[in-house]
Amino acid sequence: MSIAEPTPSIGLTTISRTVASLAVGVVHTLERAVVGEGRMRTARGNAWEAVCADRARADKRAELDRLVAELAAARAAARRAQRDRQPVG
């Protein structure tokens, strides 16, 4: 008795994975040709852009917090000045 090994079949998932792999290769080659080696996007470049964007958002948030604090202080000073000018009695 011999045991026949199953023949590998090509399924729909194998075909779609192959097509996706080829598409990624084409896009990568096209990007390298159009953009150039020095300007290719990398994981390190993407991470640095994310860090810069986070820092910019934090700077804008700090600036907005500072402006709100200044407005609150000015409003409190105006209330004190108005309260001090009102006659008692």
C-alpha atoms as a PDB file:
ATOM      1  CA  MET A   1       0.000   0.000   0.000  1.00  0.00           C
ATOM      2  CA  SER A   2       1.395   3.320  -0.925  1.00  0.00           C
ATOM      3  CA  ILE A   3       0.162   6.601   0.407  1.00  0.00           C
ATOM      4  CA  ALA A   4      -0.216   9.172  -2.305  1.00  0.00           C
ATOM      5  CA  GLU A   5       0.787  12.660  -1.278  1.00  0.00           C
ATOM      6  CA  PRO A   6      -1.808  15.292  -2.020  1.00  0.00           C
ATOM      7  CA  THR A   7      -0.987  17.554  -4.895  1.00  0.00           C
ATOM      8  CA  PRO A   8      -0.822  21.195  -3.914  1.00  0.00           C
ATOM      9  CA  SER A   9      -3.674  23.186  -5.356  1.00  0.00           C
ATOM     10  CA  ILE A  10      -3.744  26.833  -6.131  1.00  0.00           C
ATOM     11  CA  GLY A  11      -6.601  28.478  -4.309  1.00  0.00           C
ATOM     12  CA  LEU A  12      -8.173  31.876  -4.459  1.00  0.00           C
ATOM     13  CA  THR A  13      -6.157  33.086  -1.467  1.00  0.00           C
ATOM     14  CA  THR A  14      -2.897  32.031  -3.075  1.00  0.00           C
ATOM     15  CA  ILE A  15      -3.737  33.957  -6.215  1.00  0.00           C
ATOM     16  CA  SER A  16      -4.786  37.107  -4.337  1.00  0.00           C
ATOM     17  CA  ARG A  17      -1.649  37.003  -2.169  1.00  0.00           C
ATOM     18  CA  THR A  18       0.485  36.652  -5.270  1.00  0.00           C
ATOM     19  CA  VAL A  19      -1.246  39.574  -6.973  1.00  0.00           C
ATOM     20  CA  ALA A  20      -0.905  41.723  -3.844  1.00  0.00           C
ATOM     21  CA  SER A  21       2.783  40.850  -3.542  1.00  0.00           C
ATOM     22  CA  LEU A  22       3.417  41.748  -7.164  1.00  0.00           C
ATOM     23  CA  ALA A  23       1.490  45.018  -6.773  1.00  0.00           C
ATOM     24  CA  VAL A  24       3.593  46.004  -3.764  1.00  0.00           C
ATOM     25  CA  GLY A  25       6.747  45.254  -5.723  1.00  0.00           C
ATOM     26  CA  VAL A  26       5.582  47.375  -8.648  1.00  0.00           C
ATOM     27  CA  VAL A  27       4.619  50.295  -6.397  1.00  0.00           C
ATOM     28  CA  HIS A  28       7.945  50.107  -4.568  1.00  0.00           C
ATOM     29  CA  THR A  29       9.901  50.078  -7.833  1.00  0.00           C
ATOM     30  CA  LEU A  30       7.805  52.914  -9.254  1.00  0.00           C
ATOM     31  CA  GLU A  31       8.268  55.024  -6.121  1.00  0.00           C
ATOM     32  CA  ARG A  32      12.018  54.473  -6.227  1.00  0.00           C
ATOM     33  CA  ALA A  33      12.116  55.500  -9.914  1.00  0.00           C
ATOM     34  CA  VAL A  34       9.893  58.575  -9.547  1.00  0.00           C
ATOM     35  CA  VAL A  35      10.934  59.908  -6.156  1.00  0.00           C
ATOM     36  CA  GLY A  36      14.530  58.785  -6.066  1.00  0.00           C
ATOM     37  CA  GLU A  37      16.557  56.834  -3.561  1.00  0.00           C
ATOM     38  CA  GLY A  38      17.181  59.744  -1.218  1.00  0.00           C
ATOM     39  CA  ARG A  39      13.529  60.724  -0.865  1.00  0.00           C
ATOM     40  CA  MET A  40      11.959  57.309  -0.378  1.00  0.00           C
ATOM     41  CA  ARG A  41       9.656  57.026   2.605  1.00  0.00           C
ATOM     42  CA  THR A  42      10.976  54.782   5.332  1.00  0.00           C
ATOM     43  CA  ALA A  43       9.692  53.655   8.711  1.00  0.00           C
ATOM     44  CA  ARG A  44      12.283  55.892  10.373  1.00  0.00           C
ATOM     45  CA  GLY A  45      11.164  58.852   8.276  1.00  0.00           C
ATOM     46  CA  ASN A  46       7.516  58.187   9.043  1.00  0.00           C
ATOM     47  CA  ALA A  47       8.281  57.919  12.764  1.00  0.00           C
ATOM     48  CA  TRP A  48      10.223  61.196  12.712  1.00  0.00           C
ATOM     49  CA  GLU A  49       7.347  62.947  10.915  1.00  0.00           C
ATOM     50  CA  ALA A  50       4.964  61.637  13.575  1.00  0.00           C
ATOM     51  CA  VAL A  51       7.242  62.931  16.349  1.00  0.00           C
ATOM     52  CA  CYS A  52       7.432  66.339  14.688  1.00  0.00           C
ATOM     53  CA  ALA A  53       3.662  66.448  14.257  1.00  0.00           C
ATOM     54  CA  ASP A  54       3.166  65.531  17.934  1.00  0.00           C
ATOM     55  CA  ARG A  55       5.557  68.276  18.994  1.00  0.00           C
ATOM     56  CA  ALA A  56       3.784  70.816  16.783  1.00  0.00           C
ATOM     57  CA  ARG A  57       0.408  69.841  18.257  1.00  0.00           C
ATOM     58  CA  ALA A  58       1.824  70.104  21.795  1.00  0.00           C
ATOM     59  CA  ASP A  59       3.249  73.562  21.006  1.00  0.00           C
ATOM     60  CA  LYS A  60      -0.088  74.747  19.639  1.00  0.00           C
ATOM     61  CA  ARG A  61      -1.918  73.295  22.651  1.00  0.00           C
ATOM     62  CA  ALA A  62       0.499  75.058  25.038  1.00  0.00           C
ATOM     63  CA  GLU A  63       0.038  78.341  23.168  1.00  0.00           C
ATOM     64  CA  LEU A  64      -3.738  77.998  23.372  1.00  0.00           C
ATOM     65  CA  ASP A  65      -3.529  77.193  27.103  1.00  0.00           C
ATOM     66  CA  ARG A  66      -1.357  80.292  27.600  1.00  0.00           C
ATOM     67  CA  LEU A  67      -3.849  82.482  25.731  1.00  0.00           C
ATOM     68  CA  VAL A  68      -6.766  81.106  27.741  1.00  0.00           C
ATOM     69  CA  ALA A  69      -4.884  81.755  30.991  1.00  0.00           C
ATOM     70  CA  GLU A  70      -4.135  85.333  29.898  1.00  0.00           C
ATOM     71  CA  LEU A  71      -7.790  85.927  29.007  1.00  0.00           C
ATOM     72  CA  ALA A  72      -8.951  84.471  32.320  1.00  0.00           C
ATOM     73  CA  ALA A  73      -6.478  86.670  34.236  1.00  0.00           C
ATOM     74  CA  ALA A  74      -7.568  89.767  32.295  1.00  0.00           C
ATOM     75  CA  ARG A  75     -11.214  88.979  32.947  1.00  0.00           C
ATOM     76  CA  ALA A  76     -10.566  88.477  36.669  1.00  0.00           C
ATOM     77  CA  ALA A  77      -8.650  91.777  36.820  1.00  0.00           C
ATOM     78  CA  ALA A  78     -11.504  93.572  35.055  1.00  0.00           C
ATOM     79  CA  ARG A  79     -14.000  92.144  37.568  1.00  0.00           C
ATOM     80  CA  ARG A  80     -11.831  93.260  40.493  1.00  0.00           C
ATOM     81  CA  ALA A  81     -11.504  96.740  39.007  1.00  0.00           C
ATOM     82  CA  GLN A  82     -15.244  96.989  38.481  1.00  0.00           C
ATOM     83  CA  ARG A  83     -15.945  95.736  42.012  1.00  0.00           C
ATOM     84  CA  ASP A  84     -13.484  98.265  43.470  1.00  0.00           C
ATOM     85  CA  ARG A  85     -15.153 101.162  41.605  1.00  0.00           C
ATOM     86  CA  GLN A  86     -18.658 100.405  42.859  1.00  0.00           C
ATOM     87  CA  PRO A  87     -19.679 102.603  45.774  1.00  0.00           C
ATOM     88  CA  VAL A  88     -20.482 100.818  48.995  1.00  0.00           C
ATOM     89  CA  GLY A  89     -23.611 101.711  50.823  1.00  0.00           C
END
